[in-house]
Amino acid sequence: MTIILQIDIEKERISLGIKQLLNNIFDTFISNNKKNDILLGKILEIKDSVILINLDNNIIGNIKINNKNKNLKRRGNNKC
C-alpha cells in the first residue's frame, strides 16, 4: 500500500510515499504519556548542561542541568 503525494501532469510523474502511512512514533508517545507522568528511561549521555535519556520507542528526552539538579550528574546512576 502507498499514498499519492504529488501528481505532475507536465512531467508525467507521480510521487508516492510509504512513510506517510506509518504511525508517527512521537504522536504515539504523546498520546500514551501525559504531562506529569512518571517515565522510566535509560541515560544515554551526560553532558555539561544536559542529560540525554532514551525513552519508549527510541524517543530521546533531555533534562537540563541547572543548580537545582546538579546532584543528578554526580550520582552516576544510569537509570531514572
PDB file of N, CA and C in Angstrom:
ATOM      1  N   MET A   1       0.841  -1.171   0.000  1.00  0.00           N
ATOM      2  CA  MET A   1       0.000   0.000   0.000  1.00  0.00           C
ATOM      3  C   MET A   1       0.895   1.246   0.000  1.00  0.00           C
ATOM      4  N   THR A   2       0.459   2.251  -0.691  1.00  0.00           N
ATOM      5  CA  THR A   2       1.188   3.515  -0.776  1.00  0.00           C
ATOM      6  C   THR A   2       0.178   4.652  -0.893  1.00  0.00           C
ATOM      7  N   ILE A   3       0.685   5.871  -0.788  1.00  0.00           N
ATOM      8  CA  ILE A   3      -0.172   7.049  -0.895  1.00  0.00           C
ATOM      9  C   ILE A   3       0.409   7.967  -1.975  1.00  0.00           C
ATOM     10  N   ILE A   4      -0.465   8.593  -2.756  1.00  0.00           N
ATOM     11  CA  ILE A   4      -0.023   9.542  -3.779  1.00  0.00           C
ATOM     12  C   ILE A   4       0.265  10.874  -3.094  1.00  0.00           C
ATOM     13  N   LEU A   5       1.494  11.348  -3.241  1.00  0.00           N
ATOM     14  CA  LEU A   5       1.906  12.614  -2.644  1.00  0.00           C
ATOM     15  C   LEU A   5       1.754  13.783  -3.602  1.00  0.00           C
ATOM     16  N   GLN A   6       2.049  13.537  -4.879  1.00  0.00           N
ATOM     17  CA  GLN A   6       2.016  14.619  -5.861  1.00  0.00           C
ATOM     18  C   GLN A   6       1.848  14.035  -7.253  1.00  0.00           C
ATOM     19  N   ILE A   7       1.105  14.754  -8.091  1.00  0.00           N
ATOM     20  CA  ILE A   7       0.959  14.381  -9.497  1.00  0.00           C
ATOM     21  C   ILE A   7       1.405  15.566 -10.337  1.00  0.00           C
ATOM     22  N   ASP A   8       2.392  15.325 -11.209  1.00  0.00           N
ATOM     23  CA  ASP A   8       2.896  16.362 -12.104  1.00  0.00           C
ATOM     24  C   ASP A   8       2.537  15.935 -13.531  1.00  0.00           C
ATOM     25  N   ILE A   9       1.492  16.550 -14.063  1.00  0.00           N
ATOM     26  CA  ILE A   9       0.991  16.176 -15.382  1.00  0.00           C
ATOM     27  C   ILE A   9       1.998  16.522 -16.479  1.00  0.00           C
ATOM     28  N   GLU A  10       2.641  17.690 -16.386  1.00  0.00           N
ATOM     29  CA  GLU A  10       3.602  18.120 -17.413  1.00  0.00           C
ATOM     30  C   GLU A  10       4.774  17.153 -17.531  1.00  0.00           C
ATOM     31  N   LYS A  11       5.306  16.692 -16.416  1.00  0.00           N
ATOM     32  CA  LYS A  11       6.459  15.775 -16.426  1.00  0.00           C
ATOM     33  C   LYS A  11       6.032  14.308 -16.445  1.00  0.00           C
ATOM     34  N   GLU A  12       4.727  14.080 -16.418  1.00  0.00           N
ATOM     35  CA  GLU A  12       4.170  12.728 -16.365  1.00  0.00           C
ATOM     36  C   GLU A  12       4.798  11.943 -15.214  1.00  0.00           C
ATOM     37  N   ARG A  13       4.737  12.551 -14.031  1.00  0.00           N
ATOM     38  CA  ARG A  13       5.367  11.972 -12.855  1.00  0.00           C
ATOM     39  C   ARG A  13       4.368  11.916 -11.696  1.00  0.00           C
ATOM     40  N   ILE A  14       4.382  10.791 -10.999  1.00  0.00           N
ATOM     41  CA  ILE A  14       3.574  10.620  -9.791  1.00  0.00           C
ATOM     42  C   ILE A  14       4.533  10.322  -8.645  1.00  0.00           C
ATOM     43  N   SER A  15       4.431  11.095  -7.565  1.00  0.00           N
ATOM     44  CA  SER A  15       5.250  10.851  -6.377  1.00  0.00           C
ATOM     45  C   SER A  15       4.431  10.059  -5.373  1.00  0.00           C
ATOM     46  N   LEU A  16       5.023   8.954  -4.904  1.00  0.00           N
ATOM     47  CA  LEU A  16       4.356   8.074  -3.959  1.00  0.00           C
ATOM     48  C   LEU A  16       5.092   8.076  -2.623  1.00  0.00           C
ATOM     49  N   GLY A  17       4.396   7.726  -1.555  1.00  0.00           N
ATOM     50  CA  GLY A  17       5.024   7.666  -0.241  1.00  0.00           C
ATOM     51  C   GLY A  17       4.498   6.512   0.585  1.00  0.00           C
ATOM     52  N   ILE A  18       5.397   5.897   1.329  1.00  0.00           N
ATOM     53  CA  ILE A  18       5.029   4.819   2.243  1.00  0.00           C
ATOM     54  C   ILE A  18       5.071   5.314   3.680  1.00  0.00           C
ATOM     55  N   LYS A  19       6.058   6.143   3.999  1.00  0.00           N
ATOM     56  CA  LYS A  19       6.236   6.628   5.368  1.00  0.00           C
ATOM     57  C   LYS A  19       5.001   7.351   5.899  1.00  0.00           C
ATOM     58  N   GLN A  20       4.286   8.009   5.025  1.00  0.00           N
ATOM     59  CA  GLN A  20       3.125   8.779   5.437  1.00  0.00           C
ATOM     60  C   GLN A  20       2.006   7.880   5.973  1.00  0.00           C
ATOM     61  N   LEU A  21       2.052   6.604   5.665  1.00  0.00           N
ATOM     62  CA  LEU A  21       1.035   5.667   6.139  1.00  0.00           C
ATOM     63  C   LEU A  21       1.380   5.072   7.509  1.00  0.00           C
ATOM     64  N   LEU A  22       2.634   5.214   7.916  1.00  0.00           N
ATOM     65  CA  LEU A  22       3.079   4.651   9.186  1.00  0.00           C
ATOM     66  C   LEU A  22       2.726   5.577  10.335  1.00  0.00           C
ATOM     67  N   ASN A  23       2.544   5.001  11.510  1.00  0.00           N
ATOM     68  CA  ASN A  23       2.303   5.807  12.698  1.00  0.00           C
ATOM     69  C   ASN A  23       3.540   6.611  13.042  1.00  0.00           C
ATOM     70  N   ASN A  24       3.350   7.841  13.399  1.00  0.00           N
ATOM     71  CA  ASN A  24       4.438   8.694  13.857  1.00  0.00           C
ATOM     72  C   ASN A  24       4.734   8.315  15.302  1.00  0.00           C
ATOM     73  N   ILE A  25       5.983   7.871  15.599  1.00  0.00           N
ATOM     74  CA  ILE A  25       6.289   7.397  16.950  1.00  0.00           C
ATOM     75  C   ILE A  25       6.160   8.510  17.981  1.00  0.00           C
ATOM     76  N   PHE A  26       6.406   9.749  17.582  1.00  0.00           N
ATOM     77  CA  PHE A  26       6.269  10.856  18.528  1.00  0.00           C
ATOM     78  C   PHE A  26       4.799  11.083  18.877  1.00  0.00           C
ATOM     79  N   ASP A  27       3.928  11.038  17.881  1.00  0.00           N
ATOM     80  CA  ASP A  27       2.496  11.204  18.141  1.00  0.00           C
ATOM     81  C   ASP A  27       1.968  10.082  19.034  1.00  0.00           C
ATOM     82  N   THR A  28       2.434   8.862  18.789  1.00  0.00           N
ATOM     83  CA  THR A  28       2.040   7.727  19.627  1.00  0.00           C
ATOM     84  C   THR A  28       2.517   7.913  21.052  1.00  0.00           C
ATOM     85  N   PHE A  29       3.764   8.371  21.208  1.00  0.00           N
ATOM     86  CA  PHE A  29       4.323   8.609  22.539  1.00  0.00           C
ATOM     87  C   PHE A  29       3.504   9.661  23.283  1.00  0.00           C
ATOM     88  N   ILE A  30       3.161  10.748  22.609  1.00  0.00           N
ATOM     89  CA  ILE A  30       2.391  11.830  23.224  1.00  0.00           C
ATOM     90  C   ILE A  30       0.994  11.346  23.619  1.00  0.00           C
ATOM     91  N   SER A  31       0.375  10.528  22.796  1.00  0.00           N
ATOM     92  CA  SER A  31      -0.968  10.052  23.131  1.00  0.00           C
ATOM     93  C   SER A  31      -0.951   9.067  24.303  1.00  0.00           C
ATOM     94  N   ASN A  32       0.163   8.365  24.502  1.00  0.00           N
ATOM     95  CA  ASN A  32       0.270   7.394  25.595  1.00  0.00           C
ATOM     96  C   ASN A  32       0.788   8.006  26.896  1.00  0.00           C
ATOM     97  N   ASN A  33       1.404   9.167  26.843  1.00  0.00           N
ATOM     98  CA  ASN A  33       2.026   9.787  28.012  1.00  0.00           C
ATOM     99  C   ASN A  33       1.557  11.226  28.139  1.00  0.00           C
ATOM    100  N   LYS A  34       1.125  11.566  29.319  1.00  0.00           N
ATOM    101  CA  LYS A  34       0.611  12.914  29.570  1.00  0.00           C
ATOM    102  C   LYS A  34       1.579  13.698  30.453  1.00  0.00           C
ATOM    103  N   LYS A  35       1.376  14.992  30.526  1.00  0.00           N
ATOM    104  CA  LYS A  35       2.176  15.869  31.378  1.00  0.00           C
ATOM    105  C   LYS A  35       2.126  15.350  32.819  1.00  0.00           C
ATOM    106  N   ASN A  36       3.265  15.358  33.471  1.00  0.00           N
ATOM    107  CA  ASN A  36       3.457  14.912  34.857  1.00  0.00           C
ATOM    108  C   ASN A  36       3.448  13.397  35.028  1.00  0.00           C
ATOM    109  N   ASP A  37       3.359  12.611  33.945  1.00  0.00           N
ATOM    110  CA  ASP A  37       3.519  11.164  34.059  1.00  0.00           C
ATOM    111  C   ASP A  37       4.951  10.855  34.468  1.00  0.00           C
ATOM    112  N   ILE A  38       5.134   9.789  35.210  1.00  0.00           N
ATOM    113  CA  ILE A  38       6.481   9.341  35.583  1.00  0.00           C
ATOM    114  C   ILE A  38       6.892   8.264  34.591  1.00  0.00           C
ATOM    115  N   LEU A  39       8.043   8.452  33.956  1.00  0.00           N
ATOM    116  CA  LEU A  39       8.525   7.543  32.927  1.00  0.00           C
ATOM    117  C   LEU A  39       9.838   6.902  33.346  1.00  0.00           C
ATOM    118  N   LEU A  40      10.086   5.707  32.844  1.00  0.00           N
ATOM    119  CA  LEU A  40      11.377   5.059  33.010  1.00  0.00           C
ATOM    120  C   LEU A  40      12.165   5.247  31.727  1.00  0.00           C
ATOM    121  N   GLY A  41      13.463   5.398  31.867  1.00  0.00           N
ATOM    122  CA  GLY A  41      14.308   5.554  30.695  1.00  0.00           C
ATOM    123  C   GLY A  41      15.732   5.177  31.027  1.00  0.00           C
ATOM    124  N   LYS A  42      16.551   5.128  30.013  1.00  0.00           N
ATOM    125  CA  LYS A  42      17.967   4.808  30.179  1.00  0.00           C
ATOM    126  C   LYS A  42      18.790   6.030  29.804  1.00  0.00           C
ATOM    127  N   ILE A  43      19.687   6.404  30.693  1.00  0.00           N
ATOM    128  CA  ILE A  43      20.549   7.558  30.411  1.00  0.00           C
ATOM    129  C   ILE A  43      21.539   7.183  29.312  1.00  0.00           C
ATOM    130  N   LEU A  44      21.544   7.967  28.258  1.00  0.00           N
ATOM    131  CA  LEU A  44      22.446   7.743  27.129  1.00  0.00           C
ATOM    132  C   LEU A  44      23.750   8.505  27.291  1.00  0.00           C
ATOM    133  N   GLU A  45      23.629   9.751  27.784  1.00  0.00           N
ATOM    134  CA  GLU A  45      24.812  10.609  27.859  1.00  0.00           C
ATOM    135  C   GLU A  45      24.568  11.724  28.862  1.00  0.00           C
ATOM    136  N   ILE A  46      25.620  12.067  29.575  1.00  0.00           N
ATOM    137  CA  ILE A  46      25.566  13.205  30.487  1.00  0.00           C
ATOM    138  C   ILE A  46      26.574  14.223  29.995  1.00  0.00           C
ATOM    139  N   LYS A  47      26.080  15.397  29.648  1.00  0.00           N
ATOM    140  CA  LYS A  47      26.933  16.487  29.180  1.00  0.00           C
ATOM    141  C   LYS A  47      26.972  17.560  30.250  1.00  0.00           C
ATOM    142  N   ASP A  48      27.671  18.643  29.997  1.00  0.00           N
ATOM    143  CA  ASP A  48      27.786  19.718  30.975  1.00  0.00           C
ATOM    144  C   ASP A  48      26.447  20.341  31.334  1.00  0.00           C
ATOM    145  N   SER A  49      25.563  20.472  30.371  1.00  0.00           N
ATOM    146  CA  SER A  49      24.318  21.189  30.642  1.00  0.00           C
ATOM    147  C   SER A  49      23.057  20.367  30.414  1.00  0.00           C
ATOM    148  N   VAL A  50      23.200  19.079  30.026  1.00  0.00           N
ATOM    149  CA  VAL A  50      22.006  18.288  29.707  1.00  0.00           C
ATOM    150  C   VAL A  50      22.281  16.791  29.915  1.00  0.00           C
ATOM    151  N   ILE A  51      21.232  16.076  30.324  1.00  0.00           N
ATOM    152  CA  ILE A  51      21.272  14.616  30.400  1.00  0.00           C
ATOM    153  C   ILE A  51      20.337  14.093  29.314  1.00  0.00           C
ATOM    154  N   LEU A  52      20.845  13.233  28.422  1.00  0.00           N
ATOM    155  CA  LEU A  52      20.039  12.660  27.348  1.00  0.00           C
ATOM    156  C   LEU A  52      19.526  11.297  27.785  1.00  0.00           C
ATOM    157  N   ILE A  53      18.215  11.069  27.623  1.00  0.00           N
ATOM    158  CA  ILE A  53      17.570   9.858  28.097  1.00  0.00           C
ATOM    159  C   ILE A  53      16.797   9.198  26.962  1.00  0.00           C
ATOM    160  N   ASN A  54      16.990   7.878  26.801  1.00  0.00           N
ATOM    161  CA  ASN A  54      16.234   7.108  25.818  1.00  0.00           C
ATOM    162  C   ASN A  54      14.935   6.652  26.476  1.00  0.00           C
ATOM    163  N   LEU A  55      13.827   7.141  25.969  1.00  0.00           N
ATOM    164  CA  LEU A  55      12.512   6.781  26.475  1.00  0.00           C
ATOM    165  C   LEU A  55      11.915   5.708  25.568  1.00  0.00           C
ATOM    166  N   ASP A  56      10.649   5.466  25.668  1.00  0.00           N
ATOM    167  CA  ASP A  56       9.955   4.457  24.887  1.00  0.00           C
ATOM    168  C   ASP A  56      10.125   4.677  23.384  1.00  0.00           C
ATOM    169  N   ASN A  57      10.330   3.591  22.622  1.00  0.00           N
ATOM    170  CA  ASN A  57      10.426   3.628  21.148  1.00  0.00           C
ATOM    171  C   ASN A  57      11.502   4.573  20.633  1.00  0.00           C
ATOM    172  N   ASN A  58      12.624   4.632  21.316  1.00  0.00           N
ATOM    173  CA  ASN A  58      13.759   5.460  20.899  1.00  0.00           C
ATOM    174  C   ASN A  58      13.442   6.941  20.827  1.00  0.00           C
ATOM    175  N   ILE A  59      12.509   7.393  21.619  1.00  0.00           N
ATOM    176  CA  ILE A  59      12.281   8.826  21.788  1.00  0.00           C
ATOM    177  C   ILE A  59      13.366   9.310  22.746  1.00  0.00           C
ATOM    178  N   ILE A  60      14.129  10.323  22.343  1.00  0.00           N
ATOM    179  CA  ILE A  60      15.198  10.853  23.173  1.00  0.00           C
ATOM    180  C   ILE A  60      14.690  12.086  23.912  1.00  0.00           C
ATOM    181  N   GLY A  61      14.749  12.026  25.250  1.00  0.00           N
ATOM    182  CA  GLY A  61      14.366  13.158  26.074  1.00  0.00           C
ATOM    183  C   GLY A  61      15.610  13.803  26.656  1.00  0.00           C
ATOM    184  N   ASN A  62      15.464  14.998  27.195  1.00  0.00           N
ATOM    185  CA  ASN A  62      16.611  15.632  27.841  1.00  0.00           C
ATOM    186  C   ASN A  62      16.188  16.330  29.112  1.00  0.00           C
ATOM    187  N   ILE A  63      17.106  16.330  30.071  1.00  0.00           N
ATOM    188  CA  ILE A  63      16.924  17.051  31.323  1.00  0.00           C
ATOM    189  C   ILE A  63      18.016  18.098  31.366  1.00  0.00           C
ATOM    190  N   LYS A  64      17.621  19.353  31.431  1.00  0.00           N
ATOM    191  CA  LYS A  64      18.610  20.428  31.541  1.00  0.00           C
ATOM    192  C   LYS A  64      19.176  20.427  32.951  1.00  0.00           C
ATOM    193  N   ILE A  65      20.480  20.518  33.033  1.00  0.00           N
ATOM    194  CA  ILE A  65      21.146  20.549  34.330  1.00  0.00           C
ATOM    195  C   ILE A  65      21.297  21.999  34.752  1.00  0.00           C
ATOM    196  N   ASN A  66      20.754  22.312  35.927  1.00  0.00           N
ATOM    197  CA  ASN A  66      20.941  23.644  36.489  1.00  0.00           C
ATOM    198  C   ASN A  66      21.386  23.474  37.940  1.00  0.00           C
ATOM    199  N   ASN A  67      21.422  24.518  38.694  1.00  0.00           N
ATOM    200  CA  ASN A  67      21.883  24.433  40.081  1.00  0.00           C
ATOM    201  C   ASN A  67      21.014  23.504  40.924  1.00  0.00           C
ATOM    202  N   LYS A  68      19.732  23.385  40.614  1.00  0.00           N
ATOM    203  CA  LYS A  68      18.825  22.558  41.398  1.00  0.00           C
ATOM    204  C   LYS A  68      19.061  21.073  41.209  1.00  0.00           C
ATOM    205  N   ASN A  69      19.451  20.645  40.002  1.00  0.00           N
ATOM    206  CA  ASN A  69      19.603  19.215  39.767  1.00  0.00           C
ATOM    207  C   ASN A  69      21.032  18.796  39.406  1.00  0.00           C
ATOM    208  N   LYS A  70      22.027  19.539  39.828  1.00  0.00           N
ATOM    209  CA  LYS A  70      23.423  19.151  39.594  1.00  0.00           C
ATOM    210  C   LYS A  70      23.736  17.815  40.264  1.00  0.00           C
ATOM    211  N   ASN A  71      23.058  17.479  41.383  1.00  0.00           N
ATOM    212  CA  ASN A  71      23.327  16.226  42.066  1.00  0.00           C
ATOM    213  C   ASN A  71      22.939  15.007  41.223  1.00  0.00           C
ATOM    214  N   LEU A  72      22.067  15.144  40.221  1.00  0.00           N
ATOM    215  CA  LEU A  72      21.759  14.045  39.310  1.00  0.00           C
ATOM    216  C   LEU A  72      23.011  13.606  38.563  1.00  0.00           C
ATOM    217  N   LYS A  73      23.818  14.557  38.182  1.00  0.00           N
ATOM    218  CA  LYS A  73      25.036  14.268  37.427  1.00  0.00           C
ATOM    219  C   LYS A  73      26.044  13.540  38.322  1.00  0.00           C
ATOM    220  N   ARG A  74      26.089  13.862  39.592  1.00  0.00           N
ATOM    221  CA  ARG A  74      27.090  13.287  40.486  1.00  0.00           C
ATOM    222  C   ARG A  74      26.762  11.876  40.938  1.00  0.00           C
ATOM    223  N   ARG A  75      25.500  11.471  40.911  1.00  0.00           N
ATOM    224  CA  ARG A  75      25.108  10.158  41.412  1.00  0.00           C
ATOM    225  C   ARG A  75      25.705   9.012  40.609  1.00  0.00           C
ATOM    226  N   GLY A  76      25.798   9.180  39.298  1.00  0.00           N
ATOM    227  CA  GLY A  76      26.345   8.134  38.454  1.00  0.00           C
ATOM    228  C   GLY A  76      25.386   6.981  38.200  1.00  0.00           C
ATOM    229  N   ASN A  77      24.136   7.141  38.516  1.00  0.00           N
ATOM    230  CA  ASN A  77      23.136   6.102  38.282  1.00  0.00           C
ATOM    231  C   ASN A  77      22.690   6.185  36.824  1.00  0.00           C
ATOM    232  N   ASN A  78      22.646   5.015  36.141  1.00  0.00           N
ATOM    233  CA  ASN A  78      22.283   5.060  34.715  1.00  0.00           C
ATOM    234  C   ASN A  78      20.812   4.761  34.469  1.00  0.00           C
ATOM    235  N   LYS A  79      20.009   4.727  35.534  1.00  0.00           N
ATOM    236  CA  LYS A  79      18.570   4.578  35.357  1.00  0.00           C
ATOM    237  C   LYS A  79      17.875   5.703  36.031  1.00  0.00           C
ATOM    238  N   CYS A  80      16.733   6.119  35.501  1.00  0.00           N
ATOM    239  CA  CYS A  80      15.950   7.182  36.134  1.00  0.00           C
ATOM    240  C   CYS A  80      14.502   6.827  36.129  1.00  0.00           C
TER     241      CYS A  80
END
